[in-house]
C-alpha atoms as a PDB file:
ATOM      1  CA  MET A   1       0.000   0.000   0.000  1.00  0.00           C
ATOM      2  CA  LYS A   2       1.036   3.602  -0.435  1.00  0.00           C
ATOM      3  CA  THR A   3       0.488   6.968   1.185  1.00  0.00           C
ATOM      4  CA  TYR A   4       0.975  10.136  -0.883  1.00  0.00           C
ATOM      5  CA  VAL A   5       2.180  13.340   0.786  1.00  0.00           C
ATOM      6  CA  THR A   6       2.001  16.868  -0.629  1.00  0.00           C
ATOM      7  CA  PHE A   7       3.839  19.954   0.610  1.00  0.00           C
ATOM      8  CA  GLY A   8       3.133  23.662   1.006  1.00  0.00           C
ATOM      9  CA  GLN A   9       5.131  26.589  -0.370  1.00  0.00           C
ATOM     10  CA  ALA A  10       7.471  26.777   2.637  1.00  0.00           C
ATOM     11  CA  HIS A  11       7.869  23.022   3.115  1.00  0.00           C
ATOM     12  CA  ALA A  12      11.139  21.634   1.766  1.00  0.00           C
ATOM     13  CA  HIS A  13      12.928  18.522   2.989  1.00  0.00           C
ATOM     14  CA  ARG A  14      16.112  16.731   1.975  1.00  0.00           C
ATOM     15  CA  ILE A  15      15.951  13.028   2.861  1.00  0.00           C
ATOM     16  CA  ASN A  16      18.275  10.299   1.595  1.00  0.00           C
ATOM     17  CA  GLY A  17      19.539  12.546  -1.196  1.00  0.00           C
ATOM     18  CA  GLN A  18      16.031  13.415  -2.406  1.00  0.00           C
ATOM     19  CA  THR A  19      14.371  16.828  -2.217  1.00  0.00           C
ATOM     20  CA  PHE A  20      10.684  16.921  -1.349  1.00  0.00           C
ATOM     21  CA  ASP A  21       8.900  20.239  -1.883  1.00  0.00           C
ATOM     22  CA  LYS A  22       5.776  21.937  -3.252  1.00  0.00           C
ATOM     23  CA  ASP A  23       6.510  20.614  -6.746  1.00  0.00           C
ATOM     24  CA  SER A  24       6.652  16.943  -5.779  1.00  0.00           C
ATOM     25  CA  VAL A  25       4.598  14.242  -4.114  1.00  0.00           C
ATOM     26  CA  ALA A  26       6.250  11.885  -1.639  1.00  0.00           C
ATOM     27  CA  VAL A  27       5.289   8.218  -1.912  1.00  0.00           C
ATOM     28  CA  ILE A  28       5.481   6.226   1.311  1.00  0.00           C
ATOM     29  CA  GLU A  29       5.265   2.438   1.218  1.00  0.00           C
ATOM     30  CA  CYS A  30       3.158   1.267   4.156  1.00  0.00           C
ATOM     31  CA  SER A  31       1.006  -1.614   5.335  1.00  0.00           C
ATOM     32  CA  ASN A  32      -2.109   0.508   6.005  1.00  0.00           C
ATOM     33  CA  ALA A  33      -3.370   4.101   6.200  1.00  0.00           C
ATOM     34  CA  THR A  34      -2.506   4.484   9.889  1.00  0.00           C
ATOM     35  CA  GLU A  35       1.099   3.436   9.356  1.00  0.00           C
ATOM     36  CA  GLY A  36       1.343   5.716   6.295  1.00  0.00           C
ATOM     37  CA  ARG A  37       0.214   8.732   8.320  1.00  0.00           C
ATOM     38  CA  LYS A  38       2.661   7.876  11.130  1.00  0.00           C
ATOM     39  CA  LEU A  39       5.529   7.547   8.648  1.00  0.00           C
ATOM     40  CA  ALA A  40       4.612  10.895   7.055  1.00  0.00           C
ATOM     41  CA  PHE A  41       5.077  12.562  10.452  1.00  0.00           C
ATOM     42  CA  ASP A  42       8.248  10.541  11.107  1.00  0.00           C
ATOM     43  CA  PHE A  43       9.787  11.679   7.792  1.00  0.00           C
ATOM     44  CA  PHE A  44       8.501  15.258   7.547  1.00  0.00           C
ATOM     45  CA  GLY A  45       7.427  16.301  11.048  1.00  0.00           C
ATOM     46  CA  ASP A  46       4.458  18.649  10.749  1.00  0.00           C
ATOM     47  CA  LYS A  47       5.918  20.363   7.666  1.00  0.00           C
ATOM     48  CA  PHE A  48       3.697  18.932   4.950  1.00  0.00           C
ATOM     49  CA  CYS A  49       0.358  19.906   3.531  1.00  0.00           C
ATOM     50  CA  PHE A  50      -1.753  16.755   3.104  1.00  0.00           C
ATOM     51  CA  GLU A  51      -1.385  12.986   3.231  1.00  0.00           C
ATOM     52  CA  TYR A  52      -3.625  10.653   1.266  1.00  0.00           C
ATOM     53  CA  HIS A  53      -3.883   6.888   1.398  1.00  0.00           C
ATOM     54  CA  GLU A  54      -3.660   5.337  -2.076  1.00  0.00           C
ATOM     55  CA  ASN A  55      -7.413   4.924  -2.501  1.00  0.00           C
ATOM     56  CA  ARG A  56      -7.963   8.651  -1.829  1.00  0.00           C
ATOM     57  CA  PHE A  57      -5.249  10.279  -3.963  1.00  0.00           C
ATOM     58  CA  ASP A  58      -6.485  12.021  -7.128  1.00  0.00           C
ATOM     59  CA  PHE A  59      -3.866  11.401  -9.809  1.00  0.00           C
ATOM     60  CA  LYS A  60      -5.485  14.111 -11.959  1.00  0.00           C
ATOM     61  CA  SER A  61      -3.903  16.625  -9.547  1.00  0.00           C
ATOM     62  CA  MET A  62      -0.415  15.594 -10.687  1.00  0.00           C
ATOM     63  CA  GLU A  63      -0.401  18.486 -13.154  1.00  0.00           C
ATOM     64  CA  TYR A  64       0.313  20.710 -10.126  1.00  0.00           C
ATOM     65  CA  PHE A  65       3.413  18.701  -9.149  1.00  0.00           C
ATOM     66  CA  PRO A  66       5.881  19.046 -12.053  1.00  0.00           C
ATOM     67  CA  ARG A  67       8.655  17.085 -10.278  1.00  0.00           C
ATOM     68  CA  GLY A  68       6.330  14.114  -9.975  1.00  0.00           C
ATOM     69  CA  LEU A  69       6.244  11.231  -7.523  1.00  0.00           C
ATOM     70  CA  ILE A  70       9.333  10.609  -5.355  1.00  0.00           C
ATOM     71  CA  LYS A  71       9.767   7.529  -3.174  1.00  0.00           C
ATOM     72  CA  ALA A  72      10.366   8.413   0.475  1.00  0.00           C
ATOM     73  CA  ASN A  73      11.227   4.893   1.664  1.00  0.00           C
END
């Protein structure tokens, strides 16, 4: 399963050589929605905009994230 995380204008993170920011969506591999949300906070603290479990993410919104999907784990 996956959780997708989006970021606000002032949210930028550098993790494992990857930059996560307003132009990208982080992809977190997880076993369920609860674990995905916990991992989002573990990785990004409270500096992200939204987190969506895979059955709730609208892939049509990807036009707003020109850097695309980036694996977080």
